[in-house]
C-alpha atoms as a PDB file:
ATOM      1  CA  UNK A   1      17.591 -27.071 -25.581  1.00  0.00           C
ATOM      2  CA  UNK A   2      18.250 -29.056 -27.913  1.00  0.00           C
ATOM      3  CA  UNK A   3      19.098 -26.367 -30.455  1.00  0.00           C
ATOM      4  CA  UNK A   4      21.620 -25.572 -27.890  1.00  0.00           C
ATOM      5  CA  UNK A   5      23.042 -29.443 -27.214  1.00  0.00           C
ATOM      6  CA  UNK A   6      22.878 -29.428 -31.232  1.00  0.00           C
ATOM      7  CA  UNK A   7      24.058 -26.374 -32.171  1.00  0.00           C
ATOM      8  CA  UNK A   8      26.099 -27.895 -34.973  1.00  0.00           C
ATOM      9  CA  UNK A   9      23.181 -29.667 -36.477  1.00  0.00           C
ATOM     10  CA  UNK A  10      20.992 -26.577 -36.116  1.00  0.00           C
ATOM     11  CA  UNK A  11      23.718 -24.938 -38.293  1.00  0.00           C
ATOM     12  CA  UNK A  12      23.832 -27.809 -40.652  1.00  0.00           C
ATOM     13  CA  UNK A  13      20.009 -28.253 -41.085  1.00  0.00           C
ATOM     14  CA  UNK A  14      19.714 -24.230 -41.932  1.00  0.00           C
ATOM     15  CA  UNK A  15      22.495 -24.362 -44.523  1.00  0.00           C
ATOM     16  CA  UNK A  16      21.547 -27.825 -46.225  1.00  0.00           C
ATOM     17  CA  UNK A  17      17.734 -25.698 -46.314  1.00  0.00           C
ATOM     18  CA  UNK A  18      19.289 -22.630 -47.441  1.00  0.00           C
ATOM     19  CA  UNK A  19      18.482 -20.955 -51.073  1.00  0.00           C
ATOM     20  CA  UNK A  20      20.313 -20.375 -53.075  1.00  0.00           C
ATOM     21  CA  UNK A  21      22.521 -23.484 -51.748  1.00  0.00           C
ATOM     22  CA  UNK A  22      26.461 -22.647 -51.437  1.00  0.00           C
ATOM     23  CA  UNK A  23      28.354 -24.519 -54.140  1.00  0.00           C
ATOM     24  CA  UNK A  24      30.705 -25.794 -51.323  1.00  0.00           C
ATOM     25  CA  UNK A  25      27.796 -27.244 -49.327  1.00  0.00           C
ATOM     26  CA  UNK A  26      29.084 -30.830 -48.725  1.00  0.00           C
ATOM     27  CA  UNK A  27      32.336 -29.580 -48.143  1.00  0.00           C
ATOM     28  CA  UNK A  28      30.977 -27.074 -44.961  1.00  0.00           C
ATOM     29  CA  UNK A  29      28.701 -29.811 -43.943  1.00  0.00           C
ATOM     30  CA  UNK A  30      31.601 -31.601 -43.524  1.00  0.00           C
ATOM     31  CA  UNK A  31      33.135 -29.316 -41.659  1.00  0.00           C
ATOM     32  CA  UNK A  32      30.329 -28.943 -39.422  1.00  0.00           C
ATOM     33  CA  UNK A  33      30.657 -33.180 -38.872  1.00  0.00           C
ATOM     34  CA  UNK A  34      34.043 -32.699 -37.769  1.00  0.00           C
ATOM     35  CA  UNK A  35      33.184 -29.485 -35.471  1.00  0.00           C
ATOM     36  CA  UNK A  36      30.517 -31.965 -33.775  1.00  0.00           C
ATOM     37  CA  UNK A  37      33.032 -34.322 -32.802  1.00  0.00           C
ATOM     38  CA  UNK A  38      33.183 -36.561 -35.873  1.00  0.00           C
ATOM     39  CA  UNK A  39      31.774 -40.115 -34.440  1.00  0.00           C
ATOM     40  CA  UNK A  40      29.182 -38.393 -32.413  1.00  0.00           C
ATOM     41  CA  UNK A  41      25.552 -38.816 -33.081  1.00  0.00           C
ATOM     42  CA  UNK A  42      25.582 -35.142 -33.655  1.00  0.00           C
ATOM     43  CA  UNK A  43      28.292 -35.573 -36.385  1.00  0.00           C
ATOM     44  CA  UNK A  44      26.312 -38.792 -37.707  1.00  0.00           C
ATOM     45  CA  UNK A  45      23.426 -37.066 -37.987  1.00  0.00           C
ATOM     46  CA  UNK A  46      25.007 -34.166 -40.047  1.00  0.00           C
ATOM     47  CA  UNK A  47      26.888 -37.006 -41.993  1.00  0.00           C
ATOM     48  CA  UNK A  48      23.188 -37.732 -43.159  1.00  0.00           C
ATOM     49  CA  UNK A  49      22.460 -34.421 -44.636  1.00  0.00           C
ATOM     50  CA  UNK A  50      26.142 -34.755 -46.449  1.00  0.00           C
ATOM     51  CA  UNK A  51      24.512 -37.982 -47.874  1.00  0.00           C
ATOM     52  CA  UNK A  52      21.351 -36.154 -48.869  1.00  0.00           C
ATOM     53  CA  UNK A  53      23.251 -32.835 -50.467  1.00  0.00           C
ATOM     54  CA  UNK A  54      25.615 -35.535 -52.490  1.00  0.00           C
ATOM     55  CA  UNK A  55      22.688 -37.470 -53.737  1.00  0.00           C
ATOM     56  CA  UNK A  56      20.611 -34.205 -54.891  1.00  0.00           C
ATOM     57  CA  UNK A  57      23.709 -33.079 -56.551  1.00  0.00           C
ATOM     58  CA  UNK A  58      23.782 -36.567 -58.392  1.00  0.00           C
ATOM     59  CA  UNK A  59      20.280 -36.188 -59.233  1.00  0.00           C
ATOM     60  CA  UNK A  60      20.430 -32.547 -60.690  1.00  0.00           C
ATOM     61  CA  UNK A  61      18.342 -31.309 -57.720  1.00  0.00           C
ATOM     62  CA  UNK A  62      20.562 -28.709 -57.017  1.00  0.00           C
END
């Protein structure tokens, strides 16, 4: 049931953990957050993945 209710978060999670990661990962995650409603709880959880992806990239963990 949660996967149906949080479908954008599930998509973002799968994208974040994909191997290899797409070059535009942050942009794709940001778009999913917008699709999830921008300020909803789901969008904020996706925002955490955006932050993690940004830090991974900055620290060379891509």
